[in-house]
Amino acid sequence: MTLPVAYAFIATLGFSILFNIRGFNVVLAALGGAAGWSAYLLSVSLSGGPIFSFFIASIVVGVYAEVMARVRSAPATTFAICAVIPLVPGGGMYYTMFESIQGNTARSLELGMETLITAGAIATGLVLVSSVTNLIAYLSTDRKSDRITL
């Protein structure tokens, strides 16, 4: 399990540099990618379902990104975009197109739907964490000045 996590760290590190992230945030974004991939591997070994595992991993990435955003005073997207890179279903996209070119329409559609569902699970996990974080921030602010007094 450690070797795939190390690969996820290195891949995320490369994308962090490519996305022009500076300083120690590069390493922190790479750690987020490693944490997301670790969560995926752990979840897939416990549940066996890859779609649910991608959802859980994206929640881990989202929570990590939100925490690092507060700790480092940087946007959460700085960490989330890079950390989600190992989870992106690139292989599914490739094999969908490969089967399509080979003329295997049924297999191409099957792989395409699986890839779309995986991407949807990843996006749903990230949006869920972001929405909950924004809701907590909204509820914790002092809104007494917003009230109109007569």
Protein backbone atom coordinates (compact mmCIF):
# COMPACT_ATOMS: atom_id res chain seq x y z
CA MET A 1 0.00 0.00 0.00
CA THR A 2 2.91 2.38 0.61
CA LEU A 3 4.22 2.33 -2.97
CA PRO A 4 0.94 3.46 -4.61
CA VAL A 5 0.60 6.18 -1.97
CA ALA A 6 4.14 7.34 -2.73
CA TYR A 7 3.26 7.44 -6.44
CA ALA A 8 0.18 9.53 -5.64
CA PHE A 9 2.37 11.89 -3.61
CA ILE A 10 4.85 12.29 -6.48
CA ALA A 11 2.11 12.79 -9.07
CA THR A 12 0.40 15.41 -6.93
CA LEU A 13 3.73 17.09 -6.27
CA GLY A 14 4.29 17.39 -10.02
CA PHE A 15 0.85 18.84 -10.63
CA SER A 16 1.33 21.27 -7.75
CA ILE A 17 4.42 22.63 -9.44
CA LEU A 18 2.63 22.67 -12.80
CA PHE A 19 -0.26 24.64 -11.27
CA ASN A 20 2.25 27.22 -9.97
CA ILE A 21 1.72 26.61 -6.27
CA ARG A 22 4.53 28.15 -4.26
CA GLY A 23 6.52 27.31 -1.15
CA PHE A 24 5.56 24.72 1.40
CA ASN A 25 2.03 24.55 -0.04
CA VAL A 26 3.44 22.30 -2.78
CA VAL A 27 4.34 19.64 -0.23
CA LEU A 28 1.05 20.10 1.63
CA ALA A 29 -0.94 19.67 -1.59
CA ALA A 30 1.06 16.53 -2.36
CA LEU A 31 0.29 15.18 1.10
CA GLY A 32 -3.38 15.76 0.34
CA GLY A 33 -3.09 13.63 -2.79
CA ALA A 34 -1.39 10.88 -0.80
CA ALA A 35 -4.07 11.10 1.89
CA GLY A 36 -6.83 10.87 -0.71
CA TRP A 37 -5.28 7.86 -2.38
CA SER A 38 -4.72 6.19 1.01
CA ALA A 39 -8.39 6.73 1.83
CA TYR A 40 -9.36 5.23 -1.53
CA LEU A 41 -7.20 2.14 -1.04
CA LEU A 42 -8.43 1.64 2.52
CA SER A 43 -12.05 2.12 1.54
CA VAL A 44 -11.83 -0.21 -1.45
CA SER A 45 -10.29 -2.92 0.73
CA LEU A 46 -13.06 -2.55 3.32
CA SER A 47 -16.11 -1.98 1.12
CA GLY A 48 -15.05 -3.50 -2.20
CA GLY A 49 -16.99 -0.91 -4.21
CA PRO A 50 -14.83 1.49 -6.20
CA ILE A 51 -17.50 4.17 -6.70
CA PHE A 52 -18.20 4.53 -2.98
CA SER A 53 -14.45 4.44 -2.33
CA PHE A 54 -13.89 7.37 -4.70
CA PHE A 55 -16.66 9.25 -2.89
CA ILE A 56 -15.03 8.62 0.51
CA ALA A 57 -11.59 9.59 -0.84
CA SER A 58 -12.93 12.84 -2.26
CA ILE A 59 -14.48 13.67 1.11
CA VAL A 60 -11.07 13.10 2.72
CA VAL A 61 -9.46 15.36 0.10
CA GLY A 62 -12.11 18.02 0.64
CA VAL A 63 -11.74 18.01 4.41
CA TYR A 64 -7.95 18.10 4.07
CA ALA A 65 -8.15 21.02 1.64
CA GLU A 66 -10.48 22.99 3.90
CA VAL A 67 -8.28 22.42 6.96
CA MET A 68 -5.09 23.36 5.10
CA ALA A 69 -6.82 26.44 3.70
CA ARG A 70 -7.46 27.65 7.25
CA VAL A 71 -4.02 26.68 8.52
CA ARG A 72 -2.08 28.22 5.61
CA SER A 73 -4.46 31.15 4.85
CA ALA A 74 -4.79 30.03 1.24
CA PRO A 75 -7.80 29.13 -0.90
CA ALA A 76 -9.09 25.60 -0.41
CA THR A 77 -9.00 25.07 -4.17
CA THR A 78 -5.21 25.41 -4.02
CA PHE A 79 -5.08 22.11 -2.18
CA ALA A 80 -8.23 20.41 -3.48
CA ILE A 81 -7.48 20.66 -7.20
CA CYS A 82 -4.01 19.18 -6.84
CA ALA A 83 -4.97 16.58 -4.25
CA VAL A 84 -7.83 15.22 -6.36
CA ILE A 85 -5.51 14.48 -9.34
CA PRO A 86 -4.74 10.86 -8.30
CA LEU A 87 -8.47 10.17 -8.10
CA VAL A 88 -9.31 11.40 -11.61
CA PRO A 89 -10.53 8.43 -13.68
CA GLY A 90 -8.10 8.92 -16.57
CA GLY A 91 -7.82 5.21 -17.25
CA GLY A 92 -11.58 4.94 -17.63
CA MET A 93 -11.58 7.78 -20.16
CA TYR A 94 -8.76 6.19 -22.12
CA TYR A 95 -10.35 2.74 -22.25
CA THR A 96 -13.72 4.24 -23.17
CA MET A 97 -12.17 5.87 -26.21
CA PHE A 98 -10.10 2.77 -27.00
CA GLU A 99 -13.16 0.52 -27.02
CA SER A 100 -15.03 3.09 -29.09
CA ILE A 101 -12.28 3.15 -31.71
CA GLN A 102 -12.16 -0.66 -31.73
CA GLY A 103 -15.87 -0.70 -32.52
CA ASN A 104 -17.01 -2.25 -29.24
CA THR A 105 -19.93 0.07 -28.69
CA ALA A 106 -21.49 -1.80 -25.78
CA ARG A 107 -18.22 -2.03 -23.85
CA SER A 108 -17.45 1.61 -24.67
CA LEU A 109 -20.80 2.75 -23.27
CA GLU A 110 -20.35 0.59 -20.17
CA LEU A 111 -16.90 2.05 -19.45
CA GLY A 112 -18.10 5.56 -20.25
CA MET A 113 -20.98 5.35 -17.80
CA GLU A 114 -18.70 3.92 -15.10
CA THR A 115 -16.24 6.76 -15.68
CA LEU A 116 -18.98 9.40 -15.51
CA ILE A 117 -20.38 7.91 -12.32
CA THR A 118 -16.88 7.87 -10.79
CA ALA A 119 -16.31 11.50 -11.75
CA GLY A 120 -19.72 12.36 -10.31
CA ALA A 121 -18.90 10.63 -7.04
CA ILE A 122 -15.65 12.60 -6.77
CA ALA A 123 -17.40 15.90 -7.53
CA THR A 124 -20.22 15.12 -5.09
CA GLY A 125 -17.77 14.43 -2.26
CA LEU A 126 -15.91 17.69 -2.85
CA VAL A 127 -19.11 19.74 -3.14
CA LEU A 128 -20.54 18.14 0.00
CA VAL A 129 -17.50 19.10 2.08
CA SER A 130 -17.38 22.61 0.62
CA SER A 131 -21.09 23.17 1.27
CA VAL A 132 -20.92 21.94 4.85
CA THR A 133 -17.86 24.12 5.48
CA ASN A 134 -19.61 27.19 4.06
CA LEU A 135 -22.72 26.43 6.12
CA ILE A 136 -20.68 26.13 9.32
CA ALA A 137 -18.87 29.39 8.54
CA TYR A 138 -22.18 31.12 7.86
CA LEU A 139 -23.80 29.88 11.05
CA SER A 140 -20.80 30.76 13.20
CA THR A 141 -20.63 34.40 12.10
CA ASP A 142 -22.19 37.12 14.19
CA ARG A 143 -25.17 38.39 12.22
CA LYS A 144 -26.53 40.81 14.82
CA SER A 145 -25.54 43.75 12.66
CA ASP A 146 -27.74 42.36 9.86
CA ARG A 147 -30.93 42.87 11.87
CA ILE A 148 -33.07 45.89 11.32
CA THR A 149 -34.18 47.62 14.48
CA LEU A 150 -37.15 49.99 14.62
